[in-house]
Amino acid sequence: AAFRPLLEAALEATEIACVLLRLATSD
């Protein structure tokens, strides 16, 4: 929830082909 605004800002700024999502949990 905290990271989503940053991600949306990046996606709106220019064309992105791919996002590699790294997560802090392994559950």
mmCIF file of all heavy atoms, coordinates in Angstrom:
data_MODEL
# 
_entry.id   MODEL 
# 
loop_
_atom_site.group_PDB 
_atom_site.id 
_atom_site.type_symbol 
_atom_site.label_atom_id 
_atom_site.label_alt_id 
_atom_site.label_comp_id 
_atom_site.label_asym_id 
_atom_site.label_entity_id 
_atom_site.label_seq_id 
_atom_site.pdbx_PDB_ins_code 
_atom_site.Cartn_x 
_atom_site.Cartn_y 
_atom_site.Cartn_z 
_atom_site.occupancy 
_atom_site.B_iso_or_equiv 
_atom_site.pdbx_formal_charge 
_atom_site.auth_seq_id 
_atom_site.auth_comp_id 
_atom_site.auth_asym_id 
_atom_site.auth_atom_id 
_atom_site.pdbx_PDB_model_num 
ATOM 1   N N   . ALA A 1 1  ? 0.832  -1.212  0.000   1.00 0.00 ? 1  ALA A N   1 
ATOM 2   C CA  . ALA A 1 1  ? 0.000  0.000   0.000   1.00 0.00 ? 1  ALA A CA  1 
ATOM 3   C C   . ALA A 1 1  ? 0.863  1.258   0.000   1.00 0.00 ? 1  ALA A C   1 
ATOM 4   O O   . ALA A 1 1  ? 0.536  2.254   -0.659  1.00 0.00 ? 1  ALA A O   1 
ATOM 5   C CB  . ALA A 1 1  ? -0.933 -0.010  1.209   1.00 0.00 ? 1  ALA A CB  1 
ATOM 6   N N   . ALA A 1 2  ? 1.976  1.227   0.734   1.00 0.00 ? 2  ALA A N   1 
ATOM 7   C CA  . ALA A 1 2  ? 2.865  2.384   0.782   1.00 0.00 ? 2  ALA A CA  1 
ATOM 8   C C   . ALA A 1 2  ? 3.666  2.527   -0.509  1.00 0.00 ? 2  ALA A C   1 
ATOM 9   O O   . ALA A 1 2  ? 3.981  3.650   -0.930  1.00 0.00 ? 2  ALA A O   1 
ATOM 10  C CB  . ALA A 1 2  ? 3.808  2.261   1.976   1.00 0.00 ? 2  ALA A CB  1 
ATOM 11  N N   . PHE A 1 3  ? 4.003  1.400   -1.134  1.00 0.00 ? 3  PHE A N   1 
ATOM 12  C CA  . PHE A 1 3  ? 4.829  1.448   -2.338  1.00 0.00 ? 3  PHE A CA  1 
ATOM 13  C C   . PHE A 1 3  ? 4.011  1.755   -3.592  1.00 0.00 ? 3  PHE A C   1 
ATOM 14  O O   . PHE A 1 3  ? 4.540  2.306   -4.560  1.00 0.00 ? 3  PHE A O   1 
ATOM 15  C CB  . PHE A 1 3  ? 5.549  0.105   -2.525  1.00 0.00 ? 3  PHE A CB  1 
ATOM 16  C CG  . PHE A 1 3  ? 6.462  0.069   -3.711  1.00 0.00 ? 3  PHE A CG  1 
ATOM 17  C CD1 . PHE A 1 3  ? 7.631  0.817   -3.745  1.00 0.00 ? 3  PHE A CD1 1 
ATOM 18  C CD2 . PHE A 1 3  ? 6.142  -0.702  -4.823  1.00 0.00 ? 3  PHE A CD2 1 
ATOM 19  C CE1 . PHE A 1 3  ? 8.465  0.803   -4.845  1.00 0.00 ? 3  PHE A CE1 1 
ATOM 20  C CE2 . PHE A 1 3  ? 6.975  -0.727  -5.934  1.00 0.00 ? 3  PHE A CE2 1 
ATOM 21  C CZ  . PHE A 1 3  ? 8.136  0.022   -5.943  1.00 0.00 ? 3  PHE A CZ  1 
ATOM 22  N N   . ARG A 1 4  ? 2.741  1.421   -3.575  1.00 0.00 ? 4  ARG A N   1 
ATOM 23  C CA  . ARG A 1 4  ? 1.921  1.559   -4.791  1.00 0.00 ? 4  ARG A CA  1 
ATOM 24  C C   . ARG A 1 4  ? 1.942  2.969   -5.385  1.00 0.00 ? 4  ARG A C   1 
ATOM 25  O O   . ARG A 1 4  ? 2.044  3.110   -6.607  1.00 0.00 ? 4  ARG A O   1 
ATOM 26  C CB  . ARG A 1 4  ? 0.488  1.107   -4.508  1.00 0.00 ? 4  ARG A CB  1 
ATOM 27  C CG  . ARG A 1 4  ? -0.417 1.211   -5.731  1.00 0.00 ? 4  ARG A CG  1 
ATOM 28  C CD  . ARG A 1 4  ? -1.679 0.409   -5.581  1.00 0.00 ? 4  ARG A CD  1 
ATOM 29  N NE  . ARG A 1 4  ? -2.598 0.661   -6.684  1.00 0.00 ? 4  ARG A NE  1 
ATOM 30  C CZ  . ARG A 1 4  ? -3.515 -0.193  -7.107  1.00 0.00 ? 4  ARG A CZ  1 
ATOM 31  N NH1 . ARG A 1 4  ? -3.633 -1.379  -6.514  1.00 0.00 ? 4  ARG A NH1 1 
ATOM 32  N NH2 . ARG A 1 4  ? -4.312 0.102   -8.106  1.00 0.00 ? 4  ARG A NH2 1 
ATOM 33  N N   . PRO A 1 5  ? 1.847  4.055   -4.603  1.00 0.00 ? 5  PRO A N   1 
ATOM 34  C CA  . PRO A 1 5  ? 1.898  5.389   -5.221  1.00 0.00 ? 5  PRO A CA  1 
ATOM 35  C C   . PRO A 1 5  ? 3.195  5.653   -5.979  1.00 0.00 ? 5  PRO A C   1 
ATOM 36  O O   . PRO A 1 5  ? 3.181  6.301   -7.035  1.00 0.00 ? 5  PRO A O   1 
ATOM 37  C CB  . PRO A 1 5  ? 1.748  6.336   -4.034  1.00 0.00 ? 5  PRO A CB  1 
ATOM 38  C CG  . PRO A 1 5  ? 1.034  5.534   -3.006  1.00 0.00 ? 5  PRO A CG  1 
ATOM 39  C CD  . PRO A 1 5  ? 1.547  4.148   -3.152  1.00 0.00 ? 5  PRO A CD  1 
ATOM 40  N N   . LEU A 1 6  ? 4.314  5.162   -5.465  1.00 0.00 ? 6  LEU A N   1 
ATOM 41  C CA  . LEU A 1 6  ? 5.584  5.322   -6.170  1.00 0.00 ? 6  LEU A CA  1 
ATOM 42  C C   . LEU A 1 6  ? 5.564  4.551   -7.478  1.00 0.00 ? 6  LEU A C   1 
ATOM 43  O O   . LEU A 1 6  ? 6.026  5.040   -8.522  1.00 0.00 ? 6  LEU A O   1 
ATOM 44  C CB  . LEU A 1 6  ? 6.738  4.827   -5.291  1.00 0.00 ? 6  LEU A CB  1 
ATOM 45  C CG  . LEU A 1 6  ? 7.050  5.632   -4.033  1.00 0.00 ? 6  LEU A CG  1 
ATOM 46  C CD1 . LEU A 1 6  ? 8.132  4.930   -3.224  1.00 0.00 ? 6  LEU A CD1 1 
ATOM 47  C CD2 . LEU A 1 6  ? 7.478  7.045   -4.396  1.00 0.00 ? 6  LEU A CD2 1 
ATOM 48  N N   . LEU A 1 7  ? 5.039  3.334   -7.426  1.00 0.00 ? 7  LEU A N   1 
ATOM 49  C CA  . LEU A 1 7  ? 4.955  2.514   -8.628  1.00 0.00 ? 7  LEU A CA  1 
ATOM 50  C C   . LEU A 1 7  ? 4.043  3.158   -9.666  1.00 0.00 ? 7  LEU A C   1 
ATOM 51  O O   . LEU A 1 7  ? 4.381  3.219   -10.857 1.00 0.00 ? 7  LEU A O   1 
ATOM 52  C CB  . LEU A 1 7  ? 4.444  1.125   -8.250  1.00 0.00 ? 7  LEU A CB  1 
ATOM 53  C CG  . LEU A 1 7  ? 4.285  0.110   -9.382  1.00 0.00 ? 7  LEU A CG  1 
ATOM 54  C CD1 . LEU A 1 7  ? 5.615  -0.135  -10.084 1.00 0.00 ? 7  LEU A CD1 1 
ATOM 55  C CD2 . LEU A 1 7  ? 3.707  -1.199  -8.838  1.00 0.00 ? 7  LEU A CD2 1 
ATOM 56  N N   . GLU A 1 8  ? 2.913  3.662   -9.232  1.00 0.00 ? 8  GLU A N   1 
ATOM 57  C CA  . GLU A 1 8  ? 1.977  4.301   -10.163 1.00 0.00 ? 8  GLU A CA  1 
ATOM 58  C C   . GLU A 1 8  ? 2.585  5.556   -10.780 1.00 0.00 ? 8  GLU A C   1 
ATOM 59  O O   . GLU A 1 8  ? 2.376  5.831   -11.977 1.00 0.00 ? 8  GLU A O   1 
ATOM 60  C CB  . GLU A 1 8  ? 0.672  4.623   -9.443  1.00 0.00 ? 8  GLU A CB  1 
ATOM 61  C CG  . GLU A 1 8  ? -0.131 3.386   -9.081  1.00 0.00 ? 8  GLU A CG  1 
ATOM 62  C CD  . GLU A 1 8  ? -1.385 3.709   -8.289  1.00 0.00 ? 8  GLU A CD  1 
ATOM 63  O OE1 . GLU A 1 8  ? -1.400 4.751   -7.592  1.00 0.00 ? 8  GLU A OE1 1 
ATOM 64  O OE2 . GLU A 1 8  ? -2.342 2.918   -8.370  1.00 0.00 ? 8  GLU A OE2 1 
ATOM 65  N N   . ALA A 1 9  ? 3.341  6.305   -10.002 1.00 0.00 ? 9  ALA A N   1 
ATOM 66  C CA  . ALA A 1 9  ? 3.993  7.500   -10.537 1.00 0.00 ? 9  ALA A CA  1 
ATOM 67  C C   . ALA A 1 9  ? 4.980  7.141   -11.636 1.00 0.00 ? 9  ALA A C   1 
ATOM 68  O O   . ALA A 1 9  ? 5.066  7.822   -12.671 1.00 0.00 ? 9  ALA A O   1 
ATOM 69  C CB  . ALA A 1 9  ? 4.703  8.252   -9.411  1.00 0.00 ? 9  ALA A CB  1 
ATOM 70  N N   . ALA A 1 10 ? 5.714  6.052   -11.438 1.00 0.00 ? 10 ALA A N   1 
ATOM 71  C CA  . ALA A 1 10 ? 6.668  5.607   -12.455 1.00 0.00 ? 10 ALA A CA  1 
ATOM 72  C C   . ALA A 1 10 ? 5.943  5.153   -13.719 1.00 0.00 ? 10 ALA A C   1 
ATOM 73  O O   . ALA A 1 10 ? 6.341  5.493   -14.838 1.00 0.00 ? 10 ALA A O   1 
ATOM 74  C CB  . ALA A 1 10 ? 7.520  4.470   -11.899 1.00 0.00 ? 10 ALA A CB  1 
ATOM 75  N N   . LEU A 1 11 ? 4.866  4.416   -13.551 1.00 0.00 ? 11 LEU A N   1 
ATOM 76  C CA  . LEU A 1 11 ? 4.125  3.890   -14.702 1.00 0.00 ? 11 LEU A CA  1 
ATOM 77  C C   . LEU A 1 11 ? 3.449  5.004   -15.500 1.00 0.00 ? 11 LEU A C   1 
ATOM 78  O O   . LEU A 1 11 ? 3.271  4.889   -16.715 1.00 0.00 ? 11 LEU A O   1 
ATOM 79  C CB  . LEU A 1 11 ? 3.078  2.885   -14.223 1.00 0.00 ? 11 LEU A CB  1 
ATOM 80  C CG  . LEU A 1 11 ? 3.636  1.576   -13.640 1.00 0.00 ? 11 LEU A CG  1 
ATOM 81  C CD1 . LEU A 1 11 ? 2.548  0.835   -12.877 1.00 0.00 ? 11 LEU A CD1 1 
ATOM 82  C CD2 . LEU A 1 11 ? 4.216  0.692   -14.741 1.00 0.00 ? 11 LEU A CD2 1 
ATOM 83  N N   . GLU A 1 12 ? 3.089  6.067   -14.817 1.00 0.00 ? 12 GLU A N   1 
ATOM 84  C CA  . GLU A 1 12 ? 2.434  7.184   -15.498 1.00 0.00 ? 12 GLU A CA  1 
ATOM 85  C C   . GLU A 1 12 ? 3.434  8.104   -16.192 1.00 0.00 ? 12 GLU A C   1 
ATOM 86  O O   . GLU A 1 12 ? 3.073  8.850   -17.108 1.00 0.00 ? 12 GLU A O   1 
ATOM 87  C CB  . GLU A 1 12 ? 1.615  7.998   -14.489 1.00 0.00 ? 12 GLU A CB  1 
ATOM 88  C CG  . GLU A 1 12 ? 0.390  7.249   -13.960 1.00 0.00 ? 12 GLU A CG  1 
ATOM 89  C CD  . GLU A 1 12 ? -0.271 7.951   -12.790 1.00 0.00 ? 12 GLU A CD  1 
ATOM 90  O OE1 . GLU A 1 12 ? 0.211  9.053   -12.428 1.00 0.00 ? 12 GLU A OE1 1 
ATOM 91  O OE2 . GLU A 1 12 ? -1.245 7.404   -12.244 1.00 0.00 ? 12 GLU A OE2 1 
ATOM 92  N N   . ALA A 1 13 ? 4.694  8.059   -15.776 1.00 0.00 ? 13 ALA A N   1 
ATOM 93  C CA  . ALA A 1 13 ? 5.693  8.989   -16.297 1.00 0.00 ? 13 ALA A CA  1 
ATOM 94  C C   . ALA A 1 13 ? 6.139  8.645   -17.710 1.00 0.00 ? 13 ALA A C   1 
ATOM 95  O O   . ALA A 1 13 ? 6.425  9.534   -18.516 1.00 0.00 ? 13 ALA A O   1 
ATOM 96  C CB  . ALA A 1 13 ? 6.911  9.013   -15.366 1.00 0.00 ? 13 ALA A CB  1 
ATOM 97  N N   . THR A 1 14 ? 6.204  7.357   -18.020 1.00 0.00 ? 14 THR A N   1 
ATOM 98  C CA  . THR A 1 14 ? 6.690  6.940   -19.332 1.00 0.00 ? 14 THR A CA  1 
ATOM 99  C C   . THR A 1 14 ? 6.282  5.496   -19.583 1.00 0.00 ? 14 THR A C   1 
ATOM 100 O O   . THR A 1 14 ? 5.709  4.840   -18.701 1.00 0.00 ? 14 THR A O   1 
ATOM 101 C CB  . THR A 1 14 ? 8.225  7.068   -19.420 1.00 0.00 ? 14 THR A CB  1 
ATOM 102 O OG1 . THR A 1 14 ? 8.648  6.873   -20.773 1.00 0.00 ? 14 THR A OG1 1 
ATOM 103 C CG2 . THR A 1 14 ? 8.924  6.056   -18.533 1.00 0.00 ? 14 THR A CG2 1 
ATOM 104 N N   . GLU A 1 15 ? 6.566  5.006   -20.759 1.00 0.00 ? 15 GLU A N   1 
ATOM 105 C CA  . GLU A 1 15 ? 6.204  3.627   -21.089 1.00 0.00 ? 15 GLU A CA  1 
ATOM 106 C C   . GLU A 1 15 ? 7.193  2.659   -20.440 1.00 0.00 ? 15 GLU A C   1 
ATOM 107 O O   . GLU A 1 15 ? 8.399  2.756   -20.640 1.00 0.00 ? 15 GLU A O   1 
ATOM 108 C CB  . GLU A 1 15 ? 6.210  3.430   -22.610 1.00 0.00 ? 15 GLU A CB  1 
ATOM 109 C CG  . GLU A 1 15 ? 5.795  2.040   -23.037 1.00 0.00 ? 15 GLU A CG  1 
ATOM 110 C CD  . GLU A 1 15 ? 5.747  1.889   -24.544 1.00 0.00 ? 15 GLU A CD  1 
ATOM 111 O OE1 . GLU A 1 15 ? 5.861  2.919   -25.254 1.00 0.00 ? 15 GLU A OE1 1 
ATOM 112 O OE2 . GLU A 1 15 ? 5.608  0.747   -25.026 1.00 0.00 ? 15 GLU A OE2 1 
ATOM 113 N N   . ILE A 1 16 ? 6.669  1.727   -19.670 1.00 0.00 ? 16 ILE A N   1 
ATOM 114 C CA  . ILE A 1 16 ? 7.469  0.708   -18.999 1.00 0.00 ? 16 ILE A CA  1 
ATOM 115 C C   . ILE A 1 16 ? 7.117  -0.647  -19.612 1.00 0.00 ? 16 ILE A C   1 
ATOM 116 O O   . ILE A 1 16 ? 5.942  -0.979  -19.754 1.00 0.00 ? 16 ILE A O   1 
ATOM 117 C CB  . ILE A 1 16 ? 7.193  0.669   -17.484 1.00 0.00 ? 16 ILE A CB  1 
ATOM 118 C CG1 . ILE A 1 16 ? 7.350  2.059   -16.857 1.00 0.00 ? 16 ILE A CG1 1 
ATOM 119 C CG2 . ILE A 1 16 ? 8.086  -0.356  -16.800 1.00 0.00 ? 16 ILE A CG2 1 
ATOM 120 C CD1 . ILE A 1 16 ? 8.737  2.610   -16.894 1.00 0.00 ? 16 ILE A CD1 1 
ATOM 121 N N   . ALA A 1 17 ? 8.122  -1.420  -19.954 1.00 0.00 ? 17 ALA A N   1 
ATOM 122 C CA  . ALA A 1 17 ? 7.863  -2.731  -20.544 1.00 0.00 ? 17 ALA A CA  1 
ATOM 123 C C   . ALA A 1 17 ? 7.669  -3.807  -19.493 1.00 0.00 ? 17 ALA A C   1 
ATOM 124 O O   . ALA A 1 17 ? 6.869  -4.733  -19.670 1.00 0.00 ? 17 ALA A O   1 
ATOM 125 C CB  . ALA A 1 17 ? 9.012  -3.129  -21.474 1.00 0.00 ? 17 ALA A CB  1 
ATOM 126 N N   . CYS A 1 18 ? 8.415  -3.709  -18.396 1.00 0.00 ? 18 CYS A N   1 
ATOM 127 C CA  . CYS A 1 18 ? 8.434  -4.790  -17.428 1.00 0.00 ? 18 CYS A CA  1 
ATOM 128 C C   . CYS A 1 18 ? 8.766  -4.269  -16.039 1.00 0.00 ? 18 CYS A C   1 
ATOM 129 O O   . CYS A 1 18 ? 9.564  -3.340  -15.896 1.00 0.00 ? 18 CYS A O   1 
ATOM 130 C CB  . CYS A 1 18 ? 9.483  -5.824  -17.868 1.00 0.00 ? 18 CYS A CB  1 
ATOM 131 S SG  . CYS A 1 18 ? 9.498  -7.322  -16.902 1.00 0.00 ? 18 CYS A SG  1 
ATOM 132 N N   . VAL A 1 19 ? 8.136  -4.861  -15.038 1.00 0.00 ? 19 VAL A N   1 
ATOM 133 C CA  . VAL A 1 19 ? 8.443  -4.552  -13.644 1.00 0.00 ? 19 VAL A CA  1 
ATOM 134 C C   . VAL A 1 19 ? 8.776  -5.860  -12.936 1.00 0.00 ? 19 VAL A C   1 
ATOM 135 O O   . VAL A 1 19 ? 7.961  -6.789  -12.922 1.00 0.00 ? 19 VAL A O   1 
ATOM 136 C CB  . VAL A 1 19 ? 7.260  -3.864  -12.935 1.00 0.00 ? 19 VAL A CB  1 
ATOM 137 C CG1 . VAL A 1 19 ? 7.577  -3.666  -11.449 1.00 0.00 ? 19 VAL A CG1 1 
ATOM 138 C CG2 . VAL A 1 19 ? 6.931  -2.536  -13.602 1.00 0.00 ? 19 VAL A CG2 1 
ATOM 139 N N   . LEU A 1 20 ? 9.973  -5.921  -12.369 1.00 0.00 ? 20 LEU A N   1 
ATOM 140 C CA  . LEU A 1 20 ? 10.374 -7.079  -11.563 1.00 0.00 ? 20 LEU A CA  1 
ATOM 141 C C   . LEU A 1 20 ? 10.073 -6.752  -10.109 1.00 0.00 ? 20 LEU A C   1 
ATOM 142 O O   . LEU A 1 20 ? 10.688 -5.867  -9.514  1.00 0.00 ? 20 LEU A O   1 
ATOM 143 C CB  . LEU A 1 20 ? 11.856 -7.388  -11.745 1.00 0.00 ? 20 LEU A CB  1 
ATOM 144 C CG  . LEU A 1 20 ? 12.433 -8.494  -10.850 1.00 0.00 ? 20 LEU A CG  1 
ATOM 145 C CD1 . LEU A 1 20 ? 11.698 -9.806  -11.049 1.00 0.00 ? 20 LEU A CD1 1 
ATOM 146 C CD2 . LEU A 1 20 ? 13.927 -8.676  -11.114 1.00 0.00 ? 20 LEU A CD2 1 
ATOM 147 N N   . LEU A 1 21 ? 9.102  -7.453  -9.554  1.00 0.00 ? 21 LEU A N   1 
ATOM 148 C CA  . LEU A 1 21 ? 8.665  -7.197  -8.189  1.00 0.00 ? 21 LEU A CA  1 
ATOM 149 C C   . LEU A 1 21 ? 9.471  -8.047  -7.213  1.00 0.00 ? 21 LEU A C   1 
ATOM 150 O O   . LEU A 1 21 ? 9.471  -9.276  -7.286  1.00 0.00 ? 21 LEU A O   1 
ATOM 151 C CB  . LEU A 1 21 ? 7.176  -7.513  -8.048  1.00 0.00 ? 21 LEU A CB  1 
ATOM 152 C CG  . LEU A 1 21 ? 6.573  -7.372  -6.649  1.00 0.00 ? 21 LEU A CG  1 
ATOM 153 C CD1 . LEU A 1 21 ? 6.735  -5.943  -6.128  1.00 0.00 ? 21 LEU A CD1 1 
ATOM 154 C CD2 . LEU A 1 21 ? 5.105  -7.794  -6.664  1.00 0.00 ? 21 LEU A CD2 1 
ATOM 155 N N   . ARG A 1 22 ? 10.148 -7.363  -6.318  1.00 0.00 ? 22 ARG A N   1 
ATOM 156 C CA  . ARG A 1 22 ? 10.895 -8.035  -5.249  1.00 0.00 ? 22 ARG A CA  1 
ATOM 157 C C   . ARG A 1 22 ? 10.135 -7.813  -3.949  1.00 0.00 ? 22 ARG A C   1 
ATOM 158 O O   . ARG A 1 22 ? 9.780  -6.686  -3.618  1.00 0.00 ? 22 ARG A O   1 
ATOM 159 C CB  . ARG A 1 22 ? 12.308 -7.474  -5.155  1.00 0.00 ? 22 ARG A CB  1 
ATOM 160 C CG  . ARG A 1 22 ? 13.095 -7.603  -6.448  1.00 0.00 ? 22 ARG A CG  1 
ATOM 161 C CD  . ARG A 1 22 ? 14.412 -6.844  -6.373  1.00 0.00 ? 22 ARG A CD  1 
ATOM 162 N NE  . ARG A 1 22 ? 15.253 -7.399  -5.323  1.00 0.00 ? 22 ARG A NE  1 
ATOM 163 C CZ  . ARG A 1 22 ? 16.021 -6.663  -4.520  1.00 0.00 ? 22 ARG A CZ  1 
ATOM 164 N NH1 . ARG A 1 22 ? 16.045 -5.353  -4.637  1.00 0.00 ? 22 ARG A NH1 1 
ATOM 165 N NH2 . ARG A 1 22 ? 16.769 -7.239  -3.582  1.00 0.00 ? 22 ARG A NH2 1 
ATOM 166 N N   . LEU A 1 23 ? 9.888  -8.885  -3.226  1.00 0.00 ? 23 LEU A N   1 
ATOM 167 C CA  . LEU A 1 23 ? 9.116  -8.806  -2.000  1.00 0.00 ? 23 LEU A CA  1 
ATOM 168 C C   . LEU A 1 23 ? 9.975  -9.131  -0.794  1.00 0.00 ? 23 LEU A C   1 
ATOM 169 O O   . LEU A 1 23 ? 10.911 -9.928  -0.877  1.00 0.00 ? 23 LEU A O   1 
ATOM 170 C CB  . LEU A 1 23 ? 7.926  -9.767  -2.062  1.00 0.00 ? 23 LEU A CB  1 
ATOM 171 C CG  . LEU A 1 23 ? 6.884  -9.452  -3.147  1.00 0.00 ? 23 LEU A CG  1 
ATOM 172 C CD1 . LEU A 1 23 ? 5.851  -10.561 -3.229  1.00 0.00 ? 23 LEU A CD1 1 
ATOM 173 C CD2 . LEU A 1 23 ? 6.208  -8.107  -2.877  1.00 0.00 ? 23 LEU A CD2 1 
ATOM 174 N N   . ALA A 1 24 ? 9.641  -8.516  0.337   1.00 0.00 ? 24 ALA A N   1 
ATOM 175 C CA  . ALA A 1 24 ? 10.421 -8.715  1.553   1.00 0.00 ? 24 ALA A CA  1 
ATOM 176 C C   . ALA A 1 24 ? 10.060 -10.019 2.258   1.00 0.00 ? 24 ALA A C   1 
ATOM 177 O O   . ALA A 1 24 ? 10.776 -10.464 3.142   1.00 0.00 ? 24 ALA A O   1 
ATOM 178 C CB  . ALA A 1 24 ? 10.224 -7.536  2.502   1.00 0.00 ? 24 ALA A CB  1 
ATOM 179 N N   . THR A 1 25 ? 8.938  -10.625 1.876   1.00 0.00 ? 25 THR A N   1 
ATOM 180 C CA  . THR A 1 25 ? 8.490  -11.849 2.521   1.00 0.00 ? 25 THR A CA  1 
ATOM 181 C C   . THR A 1 25 ? 8.654  -13.051 1.596   1.00 0.00 ? 25 THR A C   1 
ATOM 182 O O   . THR A 1 25 ? 8.652  -12.903 0.376   1.00 0.00 ? 25 THR A O   1 
ATOM 183 C CB  . THR A 1 25 ? 7.007  -11.745 2.931   1.00 0.00 ? 25 THR A CB  1 
ATOM 184 O OG1 . THR A 1 25 ? 6.613  -12.952 3.588   1.00 0.00 ? 25 THR A OG1 1 
ATOM 185 C CG2 . THR A 1 25 ? 6.119  -11.551 1.705   1.00 0.00 ? 25 THR A CG2 1 
ATOM 186 N N   . SER A 1 26 ? 8.783  -14.233 2.204   1.00 0.00 ? 26 SER A N   1 
ATOM 187 C CA  . SER A 1 26 ? 8.815  -15.475 1.431   1.00 0.00 ? 26 SER A CA  1 
ATOM 188 C C   . SER A 1 26 ? 7.603  -16.341 1.751   1.00 0.00 ? 26 SER A C   1 
ATOM 189 O O   . SER A 1 26 ? 7.471  -17.440 1.212   1.00 0.00 ? 26 SER A O   1 
ATOM 190 C CB  . SER A 1 26 ? 10.100 -16.257 1.731   1.00 0.00 ? 26 SER A CB  1 
ATOM 191 O OG  . SER A 1 26 ? 10.183 -16.568 3.115   1.00 0.00 ? 26 SER A OG  1 
ATOM 192 N N   . ASP A 1 27 ? 6.710  -15.841 2.608   1.00 0.00 ? 27 ASP A N   1 
ATOM 193 C CA  . ASP A 1 27 ? 5.497  -16.567 2.940   1.00 0.00 ? 27 ASP A CA  1 
ATOM 194 C C   . ASP A 1 27 ? 4.560  -16.587 1.734   1.00 0.00 ? 27 ASP A C   1 
ATOM 195 O O   . ASP A 1 27 ? 4.187  -15.532 1.218   1.00 0.00 ? 27 ASP A O   1 
ATOM 196 C CB  . ASP A 1 27 ? 4.806  -15.906 4.132   1.00 0.00 ? 27 ASP A CB  1 
ATOM 197 C CG  . ASP A 1 27 ? 3.516  -16.600 4.519   1.00 0.00 ? 27 ASP A CG  1 
ATOM 198 O OD1 . ASP A 1 27 ? 3.586  -17.555 5.321   1.00 0.00 ? 27 ASP A OD1 1 
ATOM 199 O OD2 . ASP A 1 27 ? 2.454  -16.209 3.989   1.00 0.00 ? 27 ASP A OD2 1 
# 
